[in-house]
Amino acid sequence: MKYKILENPNYKEAYELIEEGLVKKATMLLFACCKVSYEGRALSELDYGERIIMIKPDGCFLIHQDNKVDPVNWQPPKSKTKALIKDETLYLESHRRKPPELLEVEVKKIHYARYNLIEDYEELERAGYEKDMGDMIWDNPHIIEEGFRPTVREYATEHGFIDILGKDADGNLMVLELKARKAGITAVKQIRRYLTDFENRENKEIRHEEEKQKVRGLLVAPSIGDDALELLEEEGIEFVSVEPPRELKKDKKVTLDAFK
């Protein structure tokens, strides 16, 4: 059986369904009136109210109210869930060892409970991120300017990783910081730190070679704020407007046969 649903179960029926779901490593969903307490890195209490409780086979334990995207209480993967009955009341506990945390749910009334054995083996494909911009620029360097030659990606500095390092048509070094959304002052300060790291490196051999070359900083983003543009000009850093790719790299056809 791939799923099981109970409407208005009593505490014993709900307990048995949860135990069965835990053994089968199913994804469980409960609509219940419950009280929640948390003890760990902090303390919290949430009095009785109707909420959605989700328990996943990877250990995730989520409690959702009827507003906001994020759960009001949650435990991460690798947490351990157990159900128990005390004084004719159903309790759910989610334990985490490191750091030690305990999320306890006292269930007053369950409107429905269900588990589902979910088969899903696909990874999420995403487009429009800095990595996608980097791939596009690496394959089409003329997007930045004619004669640009990218040489290294994720180049390590003291303050982080330069997205793309390369050279222009005259052999000058180019430091590219990529942003998939509108760039702000933080992005300008970030590339300024990278340029400072480049200027202060302790590798004398590389530094001696680079003393003959100009180092250009380029902030690459779809757009930039007015304050950030002003700071960019003060720092002598260039801006290049590039839109990130919006298409997925592959178009896979999914049929119903995959779920039979």
C-alpha atoms as a PDB file:
ATOM      1  CA  MET A   1       0.000   0.000   0.000  1.00  0.00           C
ATOM      2  CA  LYS A   2       1.498   3.355  -1.082  1.00  0.00           C
ATOM      3  CA  TYR A   3      -0.664   5.458   1.208  1.00  0.00           C
ATOM      4  CA  LYS A   4      -3.059   5.265   4.140  1.00  0.00           C
ATOM      5  CA  ILE A   5      -5.570   7.875   5.316  1.00  0.00           C
ATOM      6  CA  LEU A   6      -7.554   8.102   8.548  1.00  0.00           C
ATOM      7  CA  GLU A   7     -10.261  10.703   9.178  1.00  0.00           C
ATOM      8  CA  ASN A   8     -10.930  11.786  12.756  1.00  0.00           C
ATOM      9  CA  PRO A   9      -8.922   8.908  14.255  1.00  0.00           C
ATOM     10  CA  ASN A  10      -8.709   8.442  18.005  1.00  0.00           C
ATOM     11  CA  TYR A  11      -5.315   8.664  19.669  1.00  0.00           C
ATOM     12  CA  LYS A  12      -4.688   4.912  19.448  1.00  0.00           C
ATOM     13  CA  GLU A  13      -5.496   4.737  15.712  1.00  0.00           C
ATOM     14  CA  ALA A  14      -3.314   7.755  15.026  1.00  0.00           C
ATOM     15  CA  TYR A  15      -0.478   6.247  17.063  1.00  0.00           C
ATOM     16  CA  GLU A  16      -0.641   2.998  15.092  1.00  0.00           C
ATOM     17  CA  LEU A  17      -0.602   4.862  11.761  1.00  0.00           C
ATOM     18  CA  ILE A  18       2.425   6.926  12.799  1.00  0.00           C
ATOM     19  CA  GLU A  19       4.290   3.847  14.016  1.00  0.00           C
ATOM     20  CA  GLU A  20       3.512   2.085  10.735  1.00  0.00           C
ATOM     21  CA  GLY A  21       4.665   5.125   8.765  1.00  0.00           C
ATOM     22  CA  LEU A  22       7.939   5.323  10.704  1.00  0.00           C
ATOM     23  CA  VAL A  23       8.672   1.641  10.058  1.00  0.00           C
ATOM     24  CA  LYS A  24       7.909   2.024   6.355  1.00  0.00           C
ATOM     25  CA  LYS A  25       9.951   5.262   6.134  1.00  0.00           C
ATOM     26  CA  ALA A  26       6.938   7.082   4.744  1.00  0.00           C
ATOM     27  CA  THR A  27       6.171  10.772   4.549  1.00  0.00           C
ATOM     28  CA  MET A  28       3.439  11.592   7.080  1.00  0.00           C
ATOM     29  CA  LEU A  29       0.978  14.457   7.272  1.00  0.00           C
ATOM     30  CA  LEU A  30      -1.290  15.235  10.202  1.00  0.00           C
ATOM     31  CA  PHE A  31      -3.920  17.951  10.579  1.00  0.00           C
ATOM     32  CA  ALA A  32      -4.288  18.323  14.324  1.00  0.00           C
ATOM     33  CA  CYS A  33      -5.017  20.595  17.246  1.00  0.00           C
ATOM     34  CA  CYS A  34      -1.798  20.527  19.185  1.00  0.00           C
ATOM     35  CA  LYS A  35       0.518  22.225  21.657  1.00  0.00           C
ATOM     36  CA  VAL A  36       4.247  22.522  20.906  1.00  0.00           C
ATOM     37  CA  SER A  37       7.287  22.976  23.124  1.00  0.00           C
ATOM     38  CA  TYR A  38      10.941  23.201  22.147  1.00  0.00           C
ATOM     39  CA  GLU A  39      14.087  22.892  24.245  1.00  0.00           C
ATOM     40  CA  GLY A  40      17.592  23.221  22.848  1.00  0.00           C
ATOM     41  CA  ARG A  41      19.594  26.254  21.798  1.00  0.00           C
ATOM     42  CA  ALA A  42      16.634  28.277  23.120  1.00  0.00           C
ATOM     43  CA  LEU A  43      13.208  27.646  24.652  1.00  0.00           C
ATOM     44  CA  SER A  44       9.799  28.137  23.041  1.00  0.00           C
ATOM     45  CA  GLU A  45       6.147  27.340  23.721  1.00  0.00           C
ATOM     46  CA  LEU A  46       3.229  27.357  21.280  1.00  0.00           C
ATOM     47  CA  ASP A  47      -0.202  26.917  22.843  1.00  0.00           C
ATOM     48  CA  TYR A  48      -3.046  24.875  21.361  1.00  0.00           C
ATOM     49  CA  GLY A  49      -4.033  25.584  17.783  1.00  0.00           C
ATOM     50  CA  GLU A  50      -4.833  23.751  14.554  1.00  0.00           C
ATOM     51  CA  ARG A  51      -1.675  23.025  12.547  1.00  0.00           C
ATOM     52  CA  ILE A  52      -0.202  20.803   9.857  1.00  0.00           C
ATOM     53  CA  ILE A  53       2.493  18.401  11.077  1.00  0.00           C
ATOM     54  CA  MET A  54       4.814  16.858   8.491  1.00  0.00           C
ATOM     55  CA  ILE A  55       7.279  14.056   9.226  1.00  0.00           C
ATOM     56  CA  LYS A  56       9.713  12.995   6.506  1.00  0.00           C
ATOM     57  CA  PRO A  57      11.760   9.789   6.228  1.00  0.00           C
ATOM     58  CA  ASP A  58      15.021  11.779   6.331  1.00  0.00           C
ATOM     59  CA  GLY A  59      14.157  12.930   9.872  1.00  0.00           C
ATOM     60  CA  CYS A  60      12.731  16.348   9.055  1.00  0.00           C
ATOM     61  CA  PHE A  61       9.902  17.319  11.411  1.00  0.00           C
ATOM     62  CA  LEU A  62       7.875  20.400  10.414  1.00  0.00           C
ATOM     63  CA  ILE A  63       4.949  22.214  12.022  1.00  0.00           C
ATOM     64  CA  HIS A  64       3.080  24.715   9.854  1.00  0.00           C
ATOM     65  CA  GLN A  65       0.504  27.305  10.794  1.00  0.00           C
ATOM     66  CA  ASP A  66      -1.924  28.721   8.252  1.00  0.00           C
ATOM     67  CA  ASN A  67       0.380  31.624   7.338  1.00  0.00           C
ATOM     68  CA  LYS A  68       3.964  32.150   6.223  1.00  0.00           C
ATOM     69  CA  VAL A  69       6.123  29.913   4.052  1.00  0.00           C
ATOM     70  CA  ASP A  70       8.428  28.691   6.801  1.00  0.00           C
ATOM     71  CA  PRO A  71       7.349  26.279   9.543  1.00  0.00           C
ATOM     72  CA  VAL A  72       6.770  27.750  12.999  1.00  0.00           C
ATOM     73  CA  ASN A  73       8.767  24.878  14.527  1.00  0.00           C
ATOM     74  CA  TRP A  74      11.020  22.359  12.829  1.00  0.00           C
ATOM     75  CA  GLN A  75      13.792  19.835  13.229  1.00  0.00           C
ATOM     76  CA  PRO A  76      16.378  19.128  10.488  1.00  0.00           C
ATOM     77  CA  PRO A  77      17.259  15.865   8.685  1.00  0.00           C
ATOM     78  CA  LYS A  78      18.728  13.035  10.815  1.00  0.00           C
ATOM     79  CA  SER A  79      16.467  13.911  13.748  1.00  0.00           C
ATOM     80  CA  LYS A  80      14.734  10.942  15.385  1.00  0.00           C
ATOM     81  CA  THR A  81      10.943  10.887  15.680  1.00  0.00           C
ATOM     82  CA  LYS A  82       8.890   8.748  18.021  1.00  0.00           C
ATOM     83  CA  ALA A  83       5.240   8.567  19.049  1.00  0.00           C
ATOM     84  CA  LEU A  84       4.027   7.706  22.537  1.00  0.00           C
ATOM     85  CA  ILE A  85       0.834   7.689  24.570  1.00  0.00           C
ATOM     86  CA  LYS A  86       0.612   9.309  28.012  1.00  0.00           C
ATOM     87  CA  ASP A  87      -2.642   9.496  29.973  1.00  0.00           C
ATOM     88  CA  GLU A  88      -4.698   8.710  26.863  1.00  0.00           C
ATOM     89  CA  THR A  89      -3.013  11.536  24.961  1.00  0.00           C
ATOM     90  CA  LEU A  90      -0.831  11.200  21.869  1.00  0.00           C
ATOM     91  CA  TYR A  91       2.610  12.812  21.976  1.00  0.00           C
ATOM     92  CA  LEU A  92       5.156  13.202  19.194  1.00  0.00           C
ATOM     93  CA  GLU A  93       8.822  13.815  19.938  1.00  0.00           C
ATOM     94  CA  SER A  94      11.626  14.781  17.593  1.00  0.00           C
ATOM     95  CA  HIS A  95      15.137  14.444  19.034  1.00  0.00           C
ATOM     96  CA  ARG A  96      18.387  15.829  17.699  1.00  0.00           C
ATOM     97  CA  ARG A  97      21.721  14.825  19.244  1.00  0.00           C
ATOM     98  CA  LYS A  98      24.166  17.494  18.042  1.00  0.00           C
ATOM     99  CA  PRO A  99      23.301  20.050  19.209  1.00  0.00           C
ATOM    100  CA  PRO A 100      20.904  18.446  21.722  1.00  0.00           C
ATOM    101  CA  GLU A 101      17.347  19.537  20.904  1.00  0.00           C
ATOM    102  CA  LEU A 102      13.877  18.232  21.693  1.00  0.00           C
ATOM    103  CA  LEU A 103      10.651  19.226  19.967  1.00  0.00           C
ATOM    104  CA  GLU A 104       7.543  17.829  21.711  1.00  0.00           C
ATOM    105  CA  VAL A 105       3.991  17.959  20.359  1.00  0.00           C
ATOM    106  CA  GLU A 106       0.983  17.230  22.564  1.00  0.00           C
ATOM    107  CA  VAL A 107      -1.925  16.282  20.309  1.00  0.00           C
ATOM    108  CA  LYS A 108      -5.382  17.200  21.541  1.00  0.00           C
ATOM    109  CA  LYS A 109      -7.430  16.289  18.460  1.00  0.00           C
ATOM    110  CA  ILE A 110      -6.535  14.796  15.063  1.00  0.00           C
ATOM    111  CA  HIS A 111      -8.778  15.685  12.119  1.00  0.00           C
ATOM    112  CA  TYR A 112      -6.897  13.443   9.723  1.00  0.00           C
ATOM    113  CA  ALA A 113      -3.654  11.511   9.526  1.00  0.00           C
ATOM    114  CA  ARG A 114      -1.992   9.957   6.512  1.00  0.00           C
ATOM    115  CA  TYR A 115       1.230   8.497   5.253  1.00  0.00           C
ATOM    116  CA  ASN A 116       2.527   8.253   1.702  1.00  0.00           C
ATOM    117  CA  LEU A 117       5.293   6.127   0.240  1.00  0.00           C
ATOM    118  CA  ILE A 118       6.776   8.612  -2.200  1.00  0.00           C
ATOM    119  CA  GLU A 119       8.975   7.632  -5.136  1.00  0.00           C
ATOM    120  CA  ASP A 120      10.960  10.576  -6.466  1.00  0.00           C
ATOM    121  CA  TYR A 121      14.505  10.118  -7.768  1.00  0.00           C
ATOM    122  CA  GLU A 122      14.997  13.412  -9.582  1.00  0.00           C
ATOM    123  CA  GLU A 123      17.233  16.325  -8.639  1.00  0.00           C
ATOM    124  CA  LEU A 124      15.938  19.880  -8.980  1.00  0.00           C
ATOM    125  CA  GLU A 125      17.262  21.665 -12.047  1.00  0.00           C
ATOM    126  CA  ARG A 126      17.653  25.407 -11.634  1.00  0.00           C
ATOM    127  CA  ALA A 127      18.459  28.277 -13.945  1.00  0.00           C
ATOM    128  CA  GLY A 128      19.148  31.951 -13.401  1.00  0.00           C
ATOM    129  CA  TYR A 129      21.832  31.612 -10.714  1.00  0.00           C
ATOM    130  CA  GLU A 130      25.436  32.822 -10.526  1.00  0.00           C
ATOM    131  CA  LYS A 131      26.704  29.394 -11.573  1.00  0.00           C
ATOM    132  CA  ASP A 132      24.553  29.540 -14.709  1.00  0.00           C
ATOM    133  CA  MET A 133      25.918  32.995 -15.467  1.00  0.00           C
ATOM    134  CA  GLY A 134      29.435  31.646 -15.005  1.00  0.00           C
ATOM    135  CA  ASP A 135      28.779  28.746 -17.399  1.00  0.00           C
ATOM    136  CA  MET A 136      27.336  31.118 -19.991  1.00  0.00           C
ATOM    137  CA  ILE A 137      30.263  33.569 -19.754  1.00  0.00           C
ATOM    138  CA  TRP A 138      32.831  30.752 -19.793  1.00  0.00           C
ATOM    139  CA  ASP A 139      31.345  29.395 -23.029  1.00  0.00           C
ATOM    140  CA  ASN A 140      30.711  32.863 -24.534  1.00  0.00           C
ATOM    141  CA  PRO A 141      33.405  35.208 -23.150  1.00  0.00           C
ATOM    142  CA  HIS A 142      32.600  37.905 -25.716  1.00  0.00           C
ATOM    143  CA  ILE A 143      29.524  38.652 -23.569  1.00  0.00           C
ATOM    144  CA  ILE A 144      31.892  40.547 -21.280  1.00  0.00           C
ATOM    145  CA  GLU A 145      33.950  42.149 -24.057  1.00  0.00           C
ATOM    146  CA  GLU A 146      35.717  41.181 -27.238  1.00  0.00           C
ATOM    147  CA  GLY A 147      39.072  39.545 -26.549  1.00  0.00           C
ATOM    148  CA  PHE A 148      38.220  38.451 -22.991  1.00  0.00           C
ATOM    149  CA  ARG A 149      39.753  35.061 -22.132  1.00  0.00           C
ATOM    150  CA  PRO A 150      38.531  33.383 -18.916  1.00  0.00           C
ATOM    151  CA  THR A 151      41.247  31.263 -17.281  1.00  0.00           C
ATOM    152  CA  VAL A 152      40.128  30.220 -13.780  1.00  0.00           C
ATOM    153  CA  ARG A 153      36.837  29.784 -11.923  1.00  0.00           C
ATOM    154  CA  GLU A 154      36.389  29.979  -8.141  1.00  0.00           C
ATOM    155  CA  TYR A 155      39.855  31.451  -7.613  1.00  0.00           C
ATOM    156  CA  ALA A 156      40.661  31.427  -3.864  1.00  0.00           C
ATOM    157  CA  THR A 157      41.540  34.639  -2.009  1.00  0.00           C
ATOM    158  CA  GLU A 158      41.672  35.526   1.674  1.00  0.00           C
ATOM    159  CA  HIS A 159      38.111  36.855   1.593  1.00  0.00           C
ATOM    160  CA  GLY A 160      36.471  34.222  -0.586  1.00  0.00           C
ATOM    161  CA  PHE A 161      36.392  32.933  -4.138  1.00  0.00           C
ATOM    162  CA  ILE A 162      36.571  35.064  -7.262  1.00  0.00           C
ATOM    163  CA  ASP A 163      33.871  33.852  -9.665  1.00  0.00           C
ATOM    164  CA  ILE A 164      35.974  34.165 -12.815  1.00  0.00           C
ATOM    165  CA  LEU A 165      39.556  35.258 -13.374  1.00  0.00           C
ATOM    166  CA  GLY A 166      40.812  35.976 -16.874  1.00  0.00           C
ATOM    167  CA  LYS A 167      42.657  38.351 -19.200  1.00  0.00           C
ATOM    168  CA  ASP A 168      41.582  40.999 -21.660  1.00  0.00           C
ATOM    169  CA  ALA A 169      42.877  41.463 -25.218  1.00  0.00           C
ATOM    170  CA  ASP A 170      45.883  43.422 -23.904  1.00  0.00           C
ATOM    171  CA  GLY A 171      46.847  40.766 -21.378  1.00  0.00           C
ATOM    172  CA  ASN A 172      45.530  42.658 -18.340  1.00  0.00           C
ATOM    173  CA  LEU A 173      44.082  40.606 -15.507  1.00  0.00           C
ATOM    174  CA  MET A 174      40.299  40.710 -15.081  1.00  0.00           C
ATOM    175  CA  VAL A 175      38.512  39.881 -11.813  1.00  0.00           C
ATOM    176  CA  LEU A 176      34.809  39.129 -12.354  1.00  0.00           C
ATOM    177  CA  GLU A 177      32.224  39.071  -9.561  1.00  0.00           C
ATOM    178  CA  LEU A 178      28.857  37.721 -10.742  1.00  0.00           C
ATOM    179  CA  LYS A 179      25.428  38.562  -9.354  1.00  0.00           C
ATOM    180  CA  ALA A 180      22.256  37.043 -10.773  1.00  0.00           C
ATOM    181  CA  ARG A 181      20.099  39.834  -9.305  1.00  0.00           C
ATOM    182  CA  LYS A 182      20.391  43.610  -9.030  1.00  0.00           C
ATOM    183  CA  ALA A 183      23.792  44.443  -7.523  1.00  0.00           C
ATOM    184  CA  GLY A 184      24.049  46.591  -4.431  1.00  0.00           C
ATOM    185  CA  ILE A 185      26.748  48.206  -2.306  1.00  0.00           C
ATOM    186  CA  THR A 186      27.586  44.858  -0.666  1.00  0.00           C
ATOM    187  CA  ALA A 187      28.599  43.425  -4.048  1.00  0.00           C
ATOM    188  CA  VAL A 188      30.859  46.419  -4.722  1.00  0.00           C
ATOM    189  CA  LYS A 189      32.574  46.019  -1.347  1.00  0.00           C
ATOM    190  CA  GLN A 190      32.984  42.304  -2.013  1.00  0.00           C
ATOM    191  CA  ILE A 191      34.842  42.745  -5.304  1.00  0.00           C
ATOM    192  CA  ARG A 192      36.902  45.571  -3.744  1.00  0.00           C
ATOM    193  CA  ARG A 193      38.089  43.085  -1.070  1.00  0.00           C
ATOM    194  CA  TYR A 194      39.025  40.587  -3.784  1.00  0.00           C
ATOM    195  CA  LEU A 195      41.045  43.222  -5.617  1.00  0.00           C
ATOM    196  CA  THR A 196      42.803  44.185  -2.376  1.00  0.00           C
ATOM    197  CA  ASP A 197      43.629  40.509  -1.739  1.00  0.00           C
ATOM    198  CA  PHE A 198      45.079  40.325  -5.216  1.00  0.00           C
ATOM    199  CA  GLU A 199      47.244  43.375  -4.639  1.00  0.00           C
ATOM    200  CA  ASN A 200      48.518  42.095  -1.257  1.00  0.00           C
ATOM    201  CA  ARG A 201      49.242  38.447  -2.027  1.00  0.00           C
ATOM    202  CA  GLU A 202      52.425  37.032  -0.606  1.00  0.00           C
ATOM    203  CA  ASN A 203      53.333  34.983  -3.678  1.00  0.00           C
ATOM    204  CA  LYS A 204      56.280  37.116  -4.881  1.00  0.00           C
ATOM    205  CA  GLU A 205      56.784  35.206  -8.135  1.00  0.00           C
ATOM    206  CA  ILE A 206      53.206  35.682  -9.296  1.00  0.00           C
ATOM    207  CA  ARG A 207      53.140  39.205  -7.940  1.00  0.00           C
ATOM    208  CA  HIS A 208      56.314  40.148  -9.824  1.00  0.00           C
ATOM    209  CA  GLU A 209      54.722  38.922 -13.055  1.00  0.00           C
ATOM    210  CA  GLU A 210      51.516  40.836 -12.383  1.00  0.00           C
ATOM    211  CA  GLU A 211      53.286  44.114 -11.598  1.00  0.00           C
ATOM    212  CA  LYS A 212      53.612  44.525 -15.353  1.00  0.00           C
ATOM    213  CA  GLN A 213      49.859  44.163 -15.791  1.00  0.00           C
ATOM    214  CA  LYS A 214      46.810  46.186 -14.907  1.00  0.00           C
ATOM    215  CA  VAL A 215      44.216  44.462 -12.716  1.00  0.00           C
ATOM    216  CA  ARG A 216      40.643  45.266 -13.743  1.00  0.00           C
ATOM    217  CA  GLY A 217      37.653  44.601 -11.525  1.00  0.00           C
ATOM    218  CA  LEU A 218      34.303  43.937 -13.211  1.00  0.00           C
ATOM    219  CA  LEU A 219      30.990  43.600 -11.414  1.00  0.00           C
ATOM    220  CA  VAL A 220      28.651  41.599 -13.666  1.00  0.00           C
ATOM    221  CA  ALA A 221      24.889  41.722 -12.966  1.00  0.00           C
ATOM    222  CA  PRO A 222      21.569  42.415 -14.720  1.00  0.00           C
ATOM    223  CA  SER A 223      21.429  45.897 -13.121  1.00  0.00           C
ATOM    224  CA  ILE A 224      22.921  47.970 -10.316  1.00  0.00           C
ATOM    225  CA  GLY A 225      21.561  50.387  -7.729  1.00  0.00           C
ATOM    226  CA  ASP A 226      22.405  54.097  -7.913  1.00  0.00           C
ATOM    227  CA  ASP A 227      24.370  54.094  -4.632  1.00  0.00           C
ATOM    228  CA  ALA A 228      26.301  51.002  -5.700  1.00  0.00           C
ATOM    229  CA  LEU A 229      27.097  52.547  -9.092  1.00  0.00           C
ATOM    230  CA  GLU A 230      28.421  55.688  -7.423  1.00  0.00           C
ATOM    231  CA  LEU A 231      30.675  53.637  -5.133  1.00  0.00           C
ATOM    232  CA  LEU A 232      31.765  51.519  -8.098  1.00  0.00           C
ATOM    233  CA  GLU A 233      32.919  54.596  -9.988  1.00  0.00           C
ATOM    234  CA  GLU A 234      34.764  55.892  -6.908  1.00  0.00           C
ATOM    235  CA  GLU A 235      36.639  52.587  -6.628  1.00  0.00           C
ATOM    236  CA  GLY A 236      37.495  52.487 -10.326  1.00  0.00           C
ATOM    237  CA  ILE A 237      35.627  49.218 -10.832  1.00  0.00           C
ATOM    238  CA  GLU A 238      33.717  48.514 -14.033  1.00  0.00           C
ATOM    239  CA  PHE A 239      30.108  47.346 -14.422  1.00  0.00           C
ATOM    240  CA  VAL A 240      28.856  45.011 -17.152  1.00  0.00           C
ATOM    241  CA  SER A 241      25.136  44.350 -17.529  1.00  0.00           C
ATOM    242  CA  VAL A 242      24.428  40.657 -18.207  1.00  0.00           C
ATOM    243  CA  GLU A 243      21.142  38.808 -17.776  1.00  0.00           C
ATOM    244  CA  PRO A 244      21.477  35.276 -16.332  1.00  0.00           C
ATOM    245  CA  PRO A 245      20.179  32.435 -18.517  1.00  0.00           C
ATOM    246  CA  ARG A 246      16.591  31.465 -17.785  1.00  0.00           C
ATOM    247  CA  GLU A 247      16.436  28.137 -19.636  1.00  0.00           C
ATOM    248  CA  LEU A 248      17.096  24.764 -18.065  1.00  0.00           C
ATOM    249  CA  LYS A 249      19.996  22.847 -19.573  1.00  0.00           C
ATOM    250  CA  LYS A 250      17.944  19.845 -20.509  1.00  0.00           C
ATOM    251  CA  ASP A 251      14.336  19.207 -21.339  1.00  0.00           C
ATOM    252  CA  LYS A 252      13.297  15.818 -20.047  1.00  0.00           C
ATOM    253  CA  LYS A 253       9.999  14.231 -20.904  1.00  0.00           C
ATOM    254  CA  VAL A 254       8.219  12.649 -17.962  1.00  0.00           C
ATOM    255  CA  THR A 255       5.510  10.105 -18.548  1.00  0.00           C
ATOM    256  CA  LEU A 256       3.078   8.439 -16.208  1.00  0.00           C
ATOM    257  CA  ASP A 257       4.942   5.158 -16.764  1.00  0.00           C
ATOM    258  CA  ALA A 258       7.691   6.435 -14.479  1.00  0.00           C
ATOM    259  CA  PHE A 259       5.328   6.342 -11.524  1.00  0.00           C
ATOM    260  CA  LYS A 260       3.731   2.963 -12.074  1.00  0.00           C
END
